[in-house]
Amino acid sequence: MLAGCGAVLVWTNPSMEDYSDYAGDQLVELATEELCEQKGLPMVLRLWIRNCPELIAAQQPVLASVAGEFTTRLNFGLGSLYTTKLDGRNLLPKMRLPSYTVTTIAGAGRFLTIQTRTDPGNVE
């Protein structure tokens, strides 16, 4: 019985591709909140961009790909630990973009983000 449960957990341990999709969805939510809802865009861009949330949602595949590139996975068989480190300064040098470190555990086909750290992105 115990071996059967372990086999099911191994079978349902999410893949890196599953995590990338999950992370892309999370980045869409974060970007929508920071750019669209908290008025993170300059006034000129807010006038030009009619539907900010829709525009960001359309970028989910790109955001998922970026998250996958900056993620390390520790696979324990029954579950996995994912650490994503997105450094805004590396993505767009000379801009004051924040850096994020996100730690997520996964198992049984589910993801649970257990820690998120943000560095505001000061340029020296």
PDB file of N, CA and C in Angstrom:
ATOM      1  N   MET A   1       0.831  -1.201   0.000  1.00  0.00           N
ATOM      2  CA  MET A   1       0.000   0.000   0.000  1.00  0.00           C
ATOM      3  C   MET A   1       0.877   1.267   0.000  1.00  0.00           C
ATOM      4  N   LEU A   2       1.871   1.294   0.874  1.00  0.00           N
ATOM      5  CA  LEU A   2       2.763   2.449   0.962  1.00  0.00           C
ATOM      6  C   LEU A   2       3.549   2.631  -0.333  1.00  0.00           C
ATOM      7  N   ALA A   3       3.996   1.526  -0.920  1.00  0.00           N
ATOM      8  CA  ALA A   3       4.720   1.595  -2.187  1.00  0.00           C
ATOM      9  C   ALA A   3       3.823   2.140  -3.292  1.00  0.00           C
ATOM     10  N   GLY A   4       2.551   1.769  -3.262  1.00  0.00           N
ATOM     11  CA  GLY A   4       1.597   2.272  -4.255  1.00  0.00           C
ATOM     12  C   GLY A   4       1.395   3.770  -4.138  1.00  0.00           C
ATOM     13  N   CYS A   5       1.316   4.251  -2.892  1.00  0.00           N
ATOM     14  CA  CYS A   5       1.167   5.702  -2.675  1.00  0.00           C
ATOM     15  C   CYS A   5       2.410   6.448  -3.160  1.00  0.00           C
ATOM     16  N   GLY A   6       3.579   5.876  -2.862  1.00  0.00           N
ATOM     17  CA  GLY A   6       4.825   6.496  -3.320  1.00  0.00           C
ATOM     18  C   GLY A   6       4.905   6.543  -4.830  1.00  0.00           C
ATOM     19  N   ALA A   7       4.467   5.469  -5.486  1.00  0.00           N
ATOM     20  CA  ALA A   7       4.480   5.425  -6.949  1.00  0.00           C
ATOM     21  C   ALA A   7       3.559   6.490  -7.531  1.00  0.00           C
ATOM     22  N   VAL A   8       2.412   6.687  -6.898  1.00  0.00           N
ATOM     23  CA  VAL A   8       1.476   7.723  -7.371  1.00  0.00           C
ATOM     24  C   VAL A   8       2.105   9.102  -7.230  1.00  0.00           C
ATOM     25  N   LEU A   9       2.782   9.370  -6.115  1.00  0.00           N
ATOM     26  CA  LEU A   9       3.434  10.672  -5.925  1.00  0.00           C
ATOM     27  C   LEU A   9       4.537  10.894  -6.951  1.00  0.00           C
ATOM     28  N   VAL A  10       5.316   9.857  -7.228  1.00  0.00           N
ATOM     29  CA  VAL A  10       6.358   9.986  -8.251  1.00  0.00           C
ATOM     30  C   VAL A  10       5.716  10.275  -9.599  1.00  0.00           C
ATOM     31  N   TRP A  11       4.653   9.586  -9.908  1.00  0.00           N
ATOM     32  CA  TRP A  11       3.954   9.749 -11.191  1.00  0.00           C
ATOM     33  C   TRP A  11       3.383  11.158 -11.338  1.00  0.00           C
ATOM     34  N   THR A  12       2.903  11.733 -10.228  1.00  0.00           N
ATOM     35  CA  THR A  12       2.251  13.051 -10.287  1.00  0.00           C
ATOM     36  C   THR A  12       3.197  14.195  -9.937  1.00  0.00           C
ATOM     37  N   ASN A  13       4.485  13.924  -9.766  1.00  0.00           N
ATOM     38  CA  ASN A  13       5.464  14.977  -9.504  1.00  0.00           C
ATOM     39  C   ASN A  13       5.537  15.872 -10.743  1.00  0.00           C
ATOM     40  N   PRO A  14       5.165  17.163 -10.615  1.00  0.00           N
ATOM     41  CA  PRO A  14       5.141  18.047 -11.788  1.00  0.00           C
ATOM     42  C   PRO A  14       6.508  18.188 -12.450  1.00  0.00           C
ATOM     43  N   SER A  15       6.481  18.301 -13.763  1.00  0.00           N
ATOM     44  CA  SER A  15       7.711  18.459 -14.551  1.00  0.00           C
ATOM     45  C   SER A  15       8.147  19.920 -14.568  1.00  0.00           C
ATOM     46  N   MET A  16       9.323  20.147 -15.114  1.00  0.00           N
ATOM     47  CA  MET A  16       9.830  21.514 -15.273  1.00  0.00           C
ATOM     48  C   MET A  16       8.900  22.305 -16.192  1.00  0.00           C
ATOM     49  N   GLU A  17       8.381  21.671 -17.226  1.00  0.00           N
ATOM     50  CA  GLU A  17       7.442  22.348 -18.128  1.00  0.00           C
ATOM     51  C   GLU A  17       6.169  22.753 -17.382  1.00  0.00           C
ATOM     52  N   ASP A  18       5.669  21.875 -16.514  1.00  0.00           N
ATOM     53  CA  ASP A  18       4.498  22.216 -15.694  1.00  0.00           C
ATOM     54  C   ASP A  18       4.801  23.434 -14.825  1.00  0.00           C
ATOM     55  N   TYR A  19       5.998  23.432 -14.227  1.00  0.00           N
ATOM     56  CA  TYR A  19       6.372  24.569 -13.388  1.00  0.00           C
ATOM     57  C   TYR A  19       6.469  25.854 -14.203  1.00  0.00           C
ATOM     58  N   SER A  20       7.048  25.786 -15.385  1.00  0.00           N
ATOM     59  CA  SER A  20       7.164  26.986 -16.223  1.00  0.00           C
ATOM     60  C   SER A  20       5.794  27.577 -16.512  1.00  0.00           C
ATOM     61  N   ASP A  21       4.816  26.731 -16.813  1.00  0.00           N
ATOM     62  CA  ASP A  21       3.451  27.215 -17.040  1.00  0.00           C
ATOM     63  C   ASP A  21       2.885  27.872 -15.793  1.00  0.00           C
ATOM     64  N   TYR A  22       3.083  27.226 -14.642  1.00  0.00           N
ATOM     65  CA  TYR A  22       2.623  27.777 -13.367  1.00  0.00           C
ATOM     66  C   TYR A  22       3.285  29.132 -13.099  1.00  0.00           C
ATOM     67  N   ALA A  23       4.612  29.188 -13.278  1.00  0.00           N
ATOM     68  CA  ALA A  23       5.350  30.427 -13.024  1.00  0.00           C
ATOM     69  C   ALA A  23       4.910  31.529 -13.979  1.00  0.00           C
ATOM     70  N   GLY A  24       4.664  31.189 -15.238  1.00  0.00           N
ATOM     71  CA  GLY A  24       4.171  32.176 -16.201  1.00  0.00           C
ATOM     72  C   GLY A  24       2.844  32.772 -15.755  1.00  0.00           C
ATOM     73  N   ASP A  25       1.948  31.928 -15.251  1.00  0.00           N
ATOM     74  CA  ASP A  25       0.664  32.417 -14.742  1.00  0.00           C
ATOM     75  C   ASP A  25       0.869  33.340 -13.550  1.00  0.00           C
ATOM     76  N   GLN A  26       1.783  32.959 -12.658  1.00  0.00           N
ATOM     77  CA  GLN A  26       2.065  33.788 -11.480  1.00  0.00           C
ATOM     78  C   GLN A  26       2.667  35.139 -11.890  1.00  0.00           C
ATOM     79  N   LEU A  27       3.546  35.125 -12.881  1.00  0.00           N
ATOM     80  CA  LEU A  27       4.146  36.379 -13.353  1.00  0.00           C
ATOM     81  C   LEU A  27       3.112  37.274 -14.020  1.00  0.00           C
ATOM     82  N   VAL A  28       2.156  36.692 -14.717  1.00  0.00           N
ATOM     83  CA  VAL A  28       1.071  37.486 -15.309  1.00  0.00           C
ATOM     84  C   VAL A  28       0.295  38.186 -14.199  1.00  0.00           C
ATOM     85  N   GLU A  29      -0.036  37.455 -13.135  1.00  0.00           N
ATOM     86  CA  GLU A  29      -0.766  38.065 -12.015  1.00  0.00           C
ATOM     87  C   GLU A  29       0.038  39.183 -11.373  1.00  0.00           C
ATOM     88  N   LEU A  30       1.319  38.930 -11.132  1.00  0.00           N
ATOM     89  CA  LEU A  30       2.183  39.925 -10.495  1.00  0.00           C
ATOM     90  C   LEU A  30       2.323  41.169 -11.368  1.00  0.00           C
ATOM     91  N   ALA A  31       2.600  40.976 -12.647  1.00  0.00           N
ATOM     92  CA  ALA A  31       2.782  42.115 -13.550  1.00  0.00           C
ATOM     93  C   ALA A  31       1.485  42.897 -13.710  1.00  0.00           C
ATOM     94  N   THR A  32       0.363  42.209 -13.776  1.00  0.00           N
ATOM     95  CA  THR A  32      -0.927  42.893 -13.898  1.00  0.00           C
ATOM     96  C   THR A  32      -1.176  43.763 -12.679  1.00  0.00           C
ATOM     97  N   GLU A  33      -0.900  43.213 -11.508  1.00  0.00           N
ATOM     98  CA  GLU A  33      -1.097  43.985 -10.277  1.00  0.00           C
ATOM     99  C   GLU A  33      -0.170  45.188 -10.217  1.00  0.00           C
ATOM    100  N   GLU A  34       1.117  44.967 -10.490  1.00  0.00           N
ATOM    101  CA  GLU A  34       2.092  46.048 -10.350  1.00  0.00           C
ATOM    102  C   GLU A  34       1.980  47.105 -11.446  1.00  0.00           C
ATOM    103  N   LEU A  35       1.715  46.679 -12.673  1.00  0.00           N
ATOM    104  CA  LEU A  35       1.698  47.641 -13.777  1.00  0.00           C
ATOM    105  C   LEU A  35       0.316  48.230 -14.052  1.00  0.00           C
ATOM    106  N   CYS A  36      -0.707  47.423 -13.955  1.00  0.00           N
ATOM    107  CA  CYS A  36      -2.043  47.882 -14.349  1.00  0.00           C
ATOM    108  C   CYS A  36      -2.857  48.414 -13.169  1.00  0.00           C
ATOM    109  N   GLU A  37      -2.850  47.671 -12.072  1.00  0.00           N
ATOM    110  CA  GLU A  37      -3.711  48.032 -10.950  1.00  0.00           C
ATOM    111  C   GLU A  37      -3.080  49.060 -10.020  1.00  0.00           C
ATOM    112  N   GLN A  38      -1.769  49.048  -9.877  1.00  0.00           N
ATOM    113  CA  GLN A  38      -1.105  49.995  -8.982  1.00  0.00           C
ATOM    114  C   GLN A  38      -0.561  51.205  -9.740  1.00  0.00           C
ATOM    115  N   LYS A  39      -0.985  51.354 -10.967  1.00  0.00           N
ATOM    116  CA  LYS A  39      -0.570  52.492 -11.802  1.00  0.00           C
ATOM    117  C   LYS A  39       0.945  52.549 -11.935  1.00  0.00           C
ATOM    118  N   GLY A  40       1.568  51.397 -12.209  1.00  0.00           N
ATOM    119  CA  GLY A  40       3.015  51.328 -12.369  1.00  0.00           C
ATOM    120  C   GLY A  40       3.487  51.859 -13.704  1.00  0.00           C
ATOM    121  N   LEU A  41       2.574  52.007 -14.661  1.00  0.00           N
ATOM    122  CA  LEU A  41       2.945  52.541 -15.971  1.00  0.00           C
ATOM    123  C   LEU A  41       2.877  54.062 -15.960  1.00  0.00           C
ATOM    124  N   PRO A  42       3.763  54.722 -16.676  1.00  0.00           N
ATOM    125  CA  PRO A  42       3.667  56.177 -16.798  1.00  0.00           C
ATOM    126  C   PRO A  42       2.345  56.568 -17.465  1.00  0.00           C
ATOM    127  N   MET A  43       1.889  57.764 -17.181  1.00  0.00           N
ATOM    128  CA  MET A  43       0.601  58.259 -17.681  1.00  0.00           C
ATOM    129  C   MET A  43       0.503  58.143 -19.199  1.00  0.00           C
ATOM    130  N   VAL A  44       1.559  58.454 -19.922  1.00  0.00           N
ATOM    131  CA  VAL A  44       1.531  58.395 -21.386  1.00  0.00           C
ATOM    132  C   VAL A  44       1.222  56.973 -21.856  1.00  0.00           C
ATOM    133  N   LEU A  45       1.851  55.984 -21.238  1.00  0.00           N
ATOM    134  CA  LEU A  45       1.587  54.598 -21.616  1.00  0.00           C
ATOM    135  C   LEU A  45       0.189  54.154 -21.223  1.00  0.00           C
ATOM    136  N   ARG A  46      -0.304  54.622 -20.082  1.00  0.00           N
ATOM    137  CA  ARG A  46      -1.673  54.259 -19.669  1.00  0.00           C
ATOM    138  C   ARG A  46      -2.687  54.787 -20.659  1.00  0.00           C
ATOM    139  N   LEU A  47      -2.436  55.950 -21.248  1.00  0.00           N
ATOM    140  CA  LEU A  47      -3.341  56.490 -22.259  1.00  0.00           C
ATOM    141  C   LEU A  47      -3.274  55.697 -23.558  1.00  0.00           C
ATOM    142  N   TRP A  48      -2.094  55.184 -23.875  1.00  0.00           N
ATOM    143  CA  TRP A  48      -1.878  54.478 -25.124  1.00  0.00           C
ATOM    144  C   TRP A  48      -2.340  53.024 -25.057  1.00  0.00           C
ATOM    145  N   ILE A  49      -2.115  52.371 -23.922  1.00  0.00           N
ATOM    146  CA  ILE A  49      -2.487  50.965 -23.754  1.00  0.00           C
ATOM    147  C   ILE A  49      -3.914  50.902 -23.232  1.00  0.00           C
ATOM    148  N   ARG A  50      -4.800  50.384 -24.059  1.00  0.00           N
ATOM    149  CA  ARG A  50      -6.225  50.339 -23.716  1.00  0.00           C
ATOM    150  C   ARG A  50      -6.576  49.258 -22.702  1.00  0.00           C
ATOM    151  N   ASN A  51      -6.036  48.069 -22.844  1.00  0.00           N
ATOM    152  CA  ASN A  51      -6.375  46.975 -21.956  1.00  0.00           C
ATOM    153  C   ASN A  51      -5.099  46.336 -21.417  1.00  0.00           C
ATOM    154  N   CYS A  52      -4.569  46.938 -20.399  1.00  0.00           N
ATOM    155  CA  CYS A  52      -3.300  46.502 -19.811  1.00  0.00           C
ATOM    156  C   CYS A  52      -3.338  45.031 -19.372  1.00  0.00           C
ATOM    157  N   PRO A  53      -4.355  44.583 -18.608  1.00  0.00           N
ATOM    158  CA  PRO A  53      -4.362  43.173 -18.186  1.00  0.00           C
ATOM    159  C   PRO A  53      -4.369  42.193 -19.361  1.00  0.00           C
ATOM    160  N   GLU A  54      -5.091  42.505 -20.404  1.00  0.00           N
ATOM    161  CA  GLU A  54      -5.141  41.626 -21.575  1.00  0.00           C
ATOM    162  C   GLU A  54      -3.783  41.577 -22.280  1.00  0.00           C
ATOM    163  N   LEU A  55      -3.133  42.721 -22.375  1.00  0.00           N
ATOM    164  CA  LEU A  55      -1.812  42.786 -22.999  1.00  0.00           C
ATOM    165  C   LEU A  55      -0.806  41.923 -22.236  1.00  0.00           C
ATOM    166  N   ILE A  56      -0.832  42.012 -20.924  1.00  0.00           N
ATOM    167  CA  ILE A  56       0.091  41.223 -20.107  1.00  0.00           C
ATOM    168  C   ILE A  56      -0.257  39.740 -20.182  1.00  0.00           C
ATOM    169  N   ALA A  57      -1.537  39.402 -20.131  1.00  0.00           N
ATOM    170  CA  ALA A  57      -1.959  37.993 -20.214  1.00  0.00           C
ATOM    171  C   ALA A  57      -1.493  37.350 -21.520  1.00  0.00           C
ATOM    172  N   ALA A  58      -1.449  38.128 -22.583  1.00  0.00           N
ATOM    173  CA  ALA A  58      -1.004  37.605 -23.878  1.00  0.00           C
ATOM    174  C   ALA A  58       0.484  37.238 -23.864  1.00  0.00           C
ATOM    175  N   GLN A  59       1.214  37.750 -22.868  1.00  0.00           N
ATOM    176  CA  GLN A  59       2.647  37.480 -22.763  1.00  0.00           C
ATOM    177  C   GLN A  59       2.955  36.256 -21.901  1.00  0.00           C
ATOM    178  N   GLN A  60       1.932  35.514 -21.468  1.00  0.00           N
ATOM    179  CA  GLN A  60       2.132  34.373 -20.583  1.00  0.00           C
ATOM    180  C   GLN A  60       3.139  33.360 -21.136  1.00  0.00           C
ATOM    181  N   PRO A  61       3.066  32.980 -22.416  1.00  0.00           N
ATOM    182  CA  PRO A  61       4.060  32.012 -22.913  1.00  0.00           C
ATOM    183  C   PRO A  61       5.504  32.529 -22.814  1.00  0.00           C
ATOM    184  N   VAL A  62       5.698  33.807 -23.084  1.00  0.00           N
ATOM    185  CA  VAL A  62       7.043  34.394 -22.983  1.00  0.00           C
ATOM    186  C   VAL A  62       7.493  34.422 -21.530  1.00  0.00           C
ATOM    187  N   LEU A  63       6.595  34.817 -20.639  1.00  0.00           N
ATOM    188  CA  LEU A  63       6.932  34.865 -19.216  1.00  0.00           C
ATOM    189  C   LEU A  63       7.224  33.464 -18.681  1.00  0.00           C
ATOM    190  N   ALA A  64       6.482  32.465 -19.144  1.00  0.00           N
ATOM    191  CA  ALA A  64       6.724  31.080 -18.729  1.00  0.00           C
ATOM    192  C   ALA A  64       8.109  30.634 -19.191  1.00  0.00           C
ATOM    193  N   SER A  65       8.471  30.991 -20.402  1.00  0.00           N
ATOM    194  CA  SER A  65       9.783  30.627 -20.938  1.00  0.00           C
ATOM    195  C   SER A  65      10.907  31.292 -20.143  1.00  0.00           C
ATOM    196  N   VAL A  66      10.736  32.570 -19.835  1.00  0.00           N
ATOM    197  CA  VAL A  66      11.738  33.301 -19.051  1.00  0.00           C
ATOM    198  C   VAL A  66      11.878  32.670 -17.664  1.00  0.00           C
ATOM    199  N   ALA A  67      10.751  32.363 -17.031  1.00  0.00           N
ATOM    200  CA  ALA A  67      10.797  31.741 -15.703  1.00  0.00           C
ATOM    201  C   ALA A  67      11.539  30.408 -15.766  1.00  0.00           C
ATOM    202  N   GLY A  68      11.276  29.629 -16.797  1.00  0.00           N
ATOM    203  CA  GLY A  68      11.945  28.344 -16.947  1.00  0.00           C
ATOM    204  C   GLY A  68      13.451  28.481 -17.090  1.00  0.00           C
ATOM    205  N   GLU A  69      13.887  29.522 -17.767  1.00  0.00           N
ATOM    206  CA  GLU A  69      15.326  29.742 -17.969  1.00  0.00           C
ATOM    207  C   GLU A  69      16.054  30.108 -16.680  1.00  0.00           C
ATOM    208  N   PHE A  70      15.347  30.726 -15.752  1.00  0.00           N
ATOM    209  CA  PHE A  70      15.973  31.212 -14.523  1.00  0.00           C
ATOM    210  C   PHE A  70      15.578  30.391 -13.302  1.00  0.00           C
ATOM    211  N   THR A  71      15.193  29.137 -13.528  1.00  0.00           N
ATOM    212  CA  THR A  71      14.743  28.269 -12.441  1.00  0.00           C
ATOM    213  C   THR A  71      15.649  27.047 -12.318  1.00  0.00           C
ATOM    214  N   THR A  72      15.926  26.703 -11.080  1.00  0.00           N
ATOM    215  CA  THR A  72      16.607  25.438 -10.805  1.00  0.00           C
ATOM    216  C   THR A  72      15.614  24.519 -10.102  1.00  0.00           C
ATOM    217  N   ARG A  73      15.751  23.232 -10.380  1.00  0.00           N
ATOM    218  CA  ARG A  73      14.838  22.236  -9.802  1.00  0.00           C
ATOM    219  C   ARG A  73      15.636  21.189  -9.050  1.00  0.00           C
ATOM    220  N   LEU A  74      15.211  20.919  -7.827  1.00  0.00           N
ATOM    221  CA  LEU A  74      15.719  19.782  -7.069  1.00  0.00           C
ATOM    222  C   LEU A  74      14.607  18.742  -7.078  1.00  0.00           C
ATOM    223  N   ASN A  75      14.837  17.630  -7.764  1.00  0.00           N
ATOM    224  CA  ASN A  75      13.828  16.593  -7.903  1.00  0.00           C
ATOM    225  C   ASN A  75      14.092  15.514  -6.858  1.00  0.00           C
ATOM    226  N   PHE A  76      13.148  15.349  -5.936  1.00  0.00           N
ATOM    227  CA  PHE A  76      13.269  14.350  -4.885  1.00  0.00           C
ATOM    228  C   PHE A  76      12.458  13.096  -5.193  1.00  0.00           C
ATOM    229  N   GLY A  77      11.949  12.992  -6.419  1.00  0.00           N
ATOM    230  CA  GLY A  77      11.148  11.846  -6.812  1.00  0.00           C
ATOM    231  C   GLY A  77       9.697  11.991  -6.399  1.00  0.00           C
ATOM    232  N   LEU A  78       9.454  12.090  -5.088  1.00  0.00           N
ATOM    233  CA  LEU A  78       8.087  12.255  -4.588  1.00  0.00           C
ATOM    234  C   LEU A  78       7.596  13.689  -4.739  1.00  0.00           C
ATOM    235  N   GLY A  79       8.516  14.617  -4.863  1.00  0.00           N
ATOM    236  CA  GLY A  79       8.192  16.030  -5.002  1.00  0.00           C
ATOM    237  C   GLY A  79       9.422  16.773  -5.492  1.00  0.00           C
ATOM    238  N   SER A  80       9.248  18.046  -5.755  1.00  0.00           N
ATOM    239  CA  SER A  80      10.351  18.865  -6.258  1.00  0.00           C
ATOM    240  C   SER A  80      10.375  20.213  -5.561  1.00  0.00           C
ATOM    241  N   LEU A  81      11.546  20.813  -5.553  1.00  0.00           N
ATOM    242  CA  LEU A  81      11.736  22.163  -5.034  1.00  0.00           C
ATOM    243  C   LEU A  81      12.263  23.010  -6.176  1.00  0.00           C
ATOM    244  N   TYR A  82      11.553  24.081  -6.501  1.00  0.00           N
ATOM    245  CA  TYR A  82      11.922  24.981  -7.589  1.00  0.00           C
ATOM    246  C   TYR A  82      12.344  26.318  -7.000  1.00  0.00           C
ATOM    247  N   THR A  83      13.446  26.869  -7.500  1.00  0.00           N
ATOM    248  CA  THR A  83      13.896  28.195  -7.100  1.00  0.00           C
ATOM    249  C   THR A  83      14.085  29.022  -8.362  1.00  0.00           C
ATOM    250  N   THR A  84      13.328  30.098  -8.449  1.00  0.00           N
ATOM    251  CA  THR A  84      13.397  30.997  -9.597  1.00  0.00           C
ATOM    252  C   THR A  84      14.024  32.302  -9.145  1.00  0.00           C
ATOM    253  N   LYS A  85      15.062  32.730  -9.863  1.00  0.00           N
ATOM    254  CA  LYS A  85      15.734  33.994  -9.568  1.00  0.00           C
ATOM    255  C   LYS A  85      15.698  34.848 -10.822  1.00  0.00           C
ATOM    256  N   LEU A  86      14.830  35.848 -10.792  1.00  0.00           N
ATOM    257  CA  LEU A  86      14.721  36.799 -11.903  1.00  0.00           C
ATOM    258  C   LEU A  86      15.343  38.108 -11.466  1.00  0.00           C
ATOM    259  N   ASP A  87      16.438  38.476 -12.094  1.00  0.00           N
ATOM    260  CA  ASP A  87      17.117  39.730 -11.776  1.00  0.00           C
ATOM    261  C   ASP A  87      16.801  40.729 -12.872  1.00  0.00           C
ATOM    262  N   GLY A  88      15.979  41.699 -12.557  1.00  0.00           N
ATOM    263  CA  GLY A  88      15.572  42.702 -13.534  1.00  0.00           C
ATOM    264  C   GLY A  88      16.742  43.433 -14.154  1.00  0.00           C
ATOM    265  N   ARG A  89      17.815  43.602 -13.398  1.00  0.00           N
ATOM    266  CA  ARG A  89      18.994  44.296 -13.935  1.00  0.00           C
ATOM    267  C   ARG A  89      19.675  43.478 -15.018  1.00  0.00           C
ATOM    268  N   ASN A  90      19.571  42.144 -14.944  1.00  0.00           N
ATOM    269  CA  ASN A  90      20.147  41.310 -15.992  1.00  0.00           C
ATOM    270  C   ASN A  90      19.256  41.262 -17.224  1.00  0.00           C
ATOM    271  N   LEU A  91      17.945  41.362 -17.002  1.00  0.00           N
ATOM    272  CA  LEU A  91      17.012  41.315 -18.123  1.00  0.00           C
ATOM    273  C   LEU A  91      17.057  42.601 -18.938  1.00  0.00           C
ATOM    274  N   LEU A  92      17.051  43.729 -18.260  1.00  0.00           N
ATOM    275  CA  LEU A  92      17.095  45.039 -18.929  1.00  0.00           C
ATOM    276  C   LEU A  92      18.094  45.921 -18.177  1.00  0.00           C
ATOM    277  N   PRO A  93      19.374  45.855 -18.536  1.00  0.00           N
ATOM    278  CA  PRO A  93      20.392  46.634 -17.836  1.00  0.00           C
ATOM    279  C   PRO A  93      20.081  48.136 -17.856  1.00  0.00           C
ATOM    280  N   LYS A  94      20.516  48.800 -16.830  1.00  0.00           N
ATOM    281  CA  LYS A  94      20.390  50.254 -16.661  1.00  0.00           C
ATOM    282  C   LYS A  94      18.979  50.701 -16.283  1.00  0.00           C
ATOM    283  N   MET A  95      18.056  49.758 -16.136  1.00  0.00           N
ATOM    284  CA  MET A  95      16.694  50.121 -15.706  1.00  0.00           C
ATOM    285  C   MET A  95      16.518  49.697 -14.255  1.00  0.00           C
ATOM    286  N   ARG A  96      15.680  50.401 -13.555  1.00  0.00           N
ATOM    287  CA  ARG A  96      15.422  50.091 -12.148  1.00  0.00           C
ATOM    288  C   ARG A  96      14.286  49.078 -12.039  1.00  0.00           C
ATOM    289  N   LEU A  97      14.595  47.856 -12.382  1.00  0.00           N
ATOM    290  CA  LEU A  97      13.625  46.775 -12.290  1.00  0.00           C
ATOM    291  C   LEU A  97      13.915  45.944 -11.052  1.00  0.00           C
ATOM    292  N   PRO A  98      12.882  45.471 -10.386  1.00  0.00           N
ATOM    293  CA  PRO A  98      13.121  44.660  -9.196  1.00  0.00           C
ATOM    294  C   PRO A  98      13.653  43.275  -9.554  1.00  0.00           C
ATOM    295  N   SER A  99      14.244  42.654  -8.558  1.00  0.00           N
ATOM    296  CA  SER A  99      14.684  41.270  -8.673  1.00  0.00           C
ATOM    297  C   SER A  99      13.801  40.433  -7.761  1.00  0.00           C
ATOM    298  N   TYR A 100      13.467  39.249  -8.215  1.00  0.00           N
ATOM    299  CA  TYR A 100      12.607  38.361  -7.451  1.00  0.00           C
ATOM    300  C   TYR A 100      13.290  37.020  -7.269  1.00  0.00           C
ATOM    301  N   THR A 101      13.139  36.452  -6.089  1.00  0.00           N
ATOM    302  CA  THR A 101      13.536  35.079  -5.827  1.00  0.00           C
ATOM    303  C   THR A 101      12.301  34.390  -5.266  1.00  0.00           C
ATOM    304  N   VAL A 102      11.876  33.330  -5.940  1.00  0.00           N
ATOM    305  CA  VAL A 102      10.665  32.619  -5.556  1.00  0.00           C
ATOM    306  C   VAL A 102      11.011  31.150  -5.335  1.00  0.00           C
ATOM    307  N   THR A 103      10.599  30.625  -4.187  1.00  0.00           N
ATOM    308  CA  THR A 103      10.805  29.222  -3.870  1.00  0.00           C
ATOM    309  C   THR A 103       9.449  28.539  -3.822  1.00  0.00           C
ATOM    310  N   THR A 104       9.332  27.434  -4.567  1.00  0.00           N
ATOM    311  CA  THR A 104       8.065  26.719  -4.700  1.00  0.00           C
ATOM    312  C   THR A 104       8.305  25.231  -4.506  1.00  0.00           C
ATOM    313  N   ILE A 105       7.412  24.593  -3.755  1.00  0.00           N
ATOM    314  CA  ILE A 105       7.465  23.140  -3.649  1.00  0.00           C
ATOM    315  C   ILE A 105       6.348  22.566  -4.515  1.00  0.00           C
ATOM    316  N   ALA A 106       6.576  21.359  -5.014  1.00  0.00           N
ATOM    317  CA  ALA A 106       5.589  20.731  -5.890  1.00  0.00           C
ATOM    318  C   ALA A 106       5.487  19.254  -5.563  1.00  0.00           C
ATOM    319  N   GLY A 107       4.279  18.759  -5.692  1.00  0.00           N
ATOM    320  CA  GLY A 107       4.031  17.344  -5.509  1.00  0.00           C
ATOM    321  C   GLY A 107       2.570  17.059  -5.752  1.00  0.00           C
ATOM    322  N   ALA A 108       2.268  15.850  -6.119  1.00  0.00           N
ATOM    323  CA  ALA A 108       0.892  15.423  -6.367  1.00  0.00           C
ATOM    324  C   ALA A 108       0.200  16.340  -7.382  1.00  0.00           C
ATOM    325  N   GLY A 109       0.968  16.834  -8.354  1.00  0.00           N
ATOM    326  CA  GLY A 109       0.385  17.668  -9.401  1.00  0.00           C
ATOM    327  C   GLY A 109       0.073  19.091  -8.982  1.00  0.00           C
ATOM    328  N   ARG A 110       0.537  19.512  -7.820  1.00  0.00           N
ATOM    329  CA  ARG A 110       0.237  20.843  -7.287  1.00  0.00           C
ATOM    330  C   ARG A 110       1.519  21.617  -7.003  1.00  0.00           C
ATOM    331  N   PHE A 111       1.361  22.947  -6.942  1.00  0.00           N
ATOM    332  CA  PHE A 111       2.465  23.841  -6.605  1.00  0.00           C
ATOM    333  C   PHE A 111       2.068  24.686  -5.409  1.00  0.00           C
ATOM    334  N   LEU A 112       3.048  24.950  -4.547  1.00  0.00           N
ATOM    335  CA  LEU A 112       2.830  25.823  -3.401  1.00  0.00           C
ATOM    336  C   LEU A 112       4.053  26.711  -3.257  1.00  0.00           C
ATOM    337  N   THR A 113       3.851  28.013  -3.469  1.00  0.00           N
ATOM    338  CA  THR A 113       4.937  28.972  -3.302  1.00  0.00           C
ATOM    339  C   THR A 113       5.121  29.194  -1.813  1.00  0.00           C
ATOM    340  N   ILE A 114       6.338  28.907  -1.325  1.00  0.00           N
ATOM    341  CA  ILE A 114       6.579  28.992   0.113  1.00  0.00           C
ATOM    342  C   ILE A 114       7.363  30.234   0.517  1.00  0.00           C
ATOM    343  N   GLN A 115       8.051  30.871  -0.442  1.00  0.00           N
ATOM    344  CA  GLN A 115       8.801  32.080  -0.105  1.00  0.00           C
ATOM    345  C   GLN A 115       8.980  32.946  -1.349  1.00  0.00           C
ATOM    346  N   THR A 116       8.796  34.239  -1.163  1.00  0.00           N
ATOM    347  CA  THR A 116       9.037  35.209  -2.223  1.00  0.00           C
ATOM    348  C   THR A 116       9.840  36.359  -1.630  1.00  0.00           C
ATOM    349  N   ARG A 117      10.949  36.679  -2.275  1.00  0.00           N
ATOM    350  CA  ARG A 117      11.769  37.817  -1.842  1.00  0.00           C
ATOM    351  C   ARG A 117      11.885  38.788  -3.002  1.00  0.00           C
ATOM    352  N   THR A 118      11.837  40.072  -2.682  1.00  0.00           N
ATOM    353  CA  THR A 118      11.949  41.119  -3.693  1.00  0.00           C
ATOM    354  C   THR A 118      13.040  42.094  -3.302  1.00  0.00           C
ATOM    355  N   ASP A 119      13.862  42.456  -4.285  1.00  0.00           N
ATOM    356  CA  ASP A 119      14.861  43.506  -4.132  1.00  0.00           C
ATOM    357  C   ASP A 119      14.396  44.619  -5.055  1.00  0.00           C
ATOM    358  N   PRO A 120      14.229  45.845  -4.563  1.00  0.00           N
ATOM    359  CA  PRO A 120      13.656  46.910  -5.378  1.00  0.00           C
ATOM    360  C   PRO A 120      14.393  47.244  -6.662  1.00  0.00           C
ATOM    361  N   GLY A 121      15.659  46.911  -6.785  1.00  0.00           N
ATOM    362  CA  GLY A 121      16.350  47.129  -8.047  1.00  0.00           C
ATOM    363  C   GLY A 121      17.043  48.458  -8.175  1.00  0.00           C
ATOM    364  N   ASN A 122      17.762  48.874  -7.166  1.00  0.00           N
ATOM    365  CA  ASN A 122      18.516  50.119  -7.243  1.00  0.00           C
ATOM    366  C   ASN A 122      19.680  49.978  -8.204  1.00  0.00           C
ATOM    367  N   VAL A 123      19.874  50.977  -9.031  1.00  0.00           N
ATOM    368  CA  VAL A 123      20.989  50.988  -9.983  1.00  0.00           C
ATOM    369  C   VAL A 123      22.125  51.764  -9.331  1.00  0.00           C
ATOM    370  N   GLU A 124      23.328  51.148  -9.359  1.00  0.00           N
ATOM    371  CA  GLU A 124      24.489  51.833  -8.767  1.00  0.00           C
ATOM    372  C   GLU A 124      24.943  52.946  -9.665  1.00  0.00           C
TER     373      GLU A 124
END
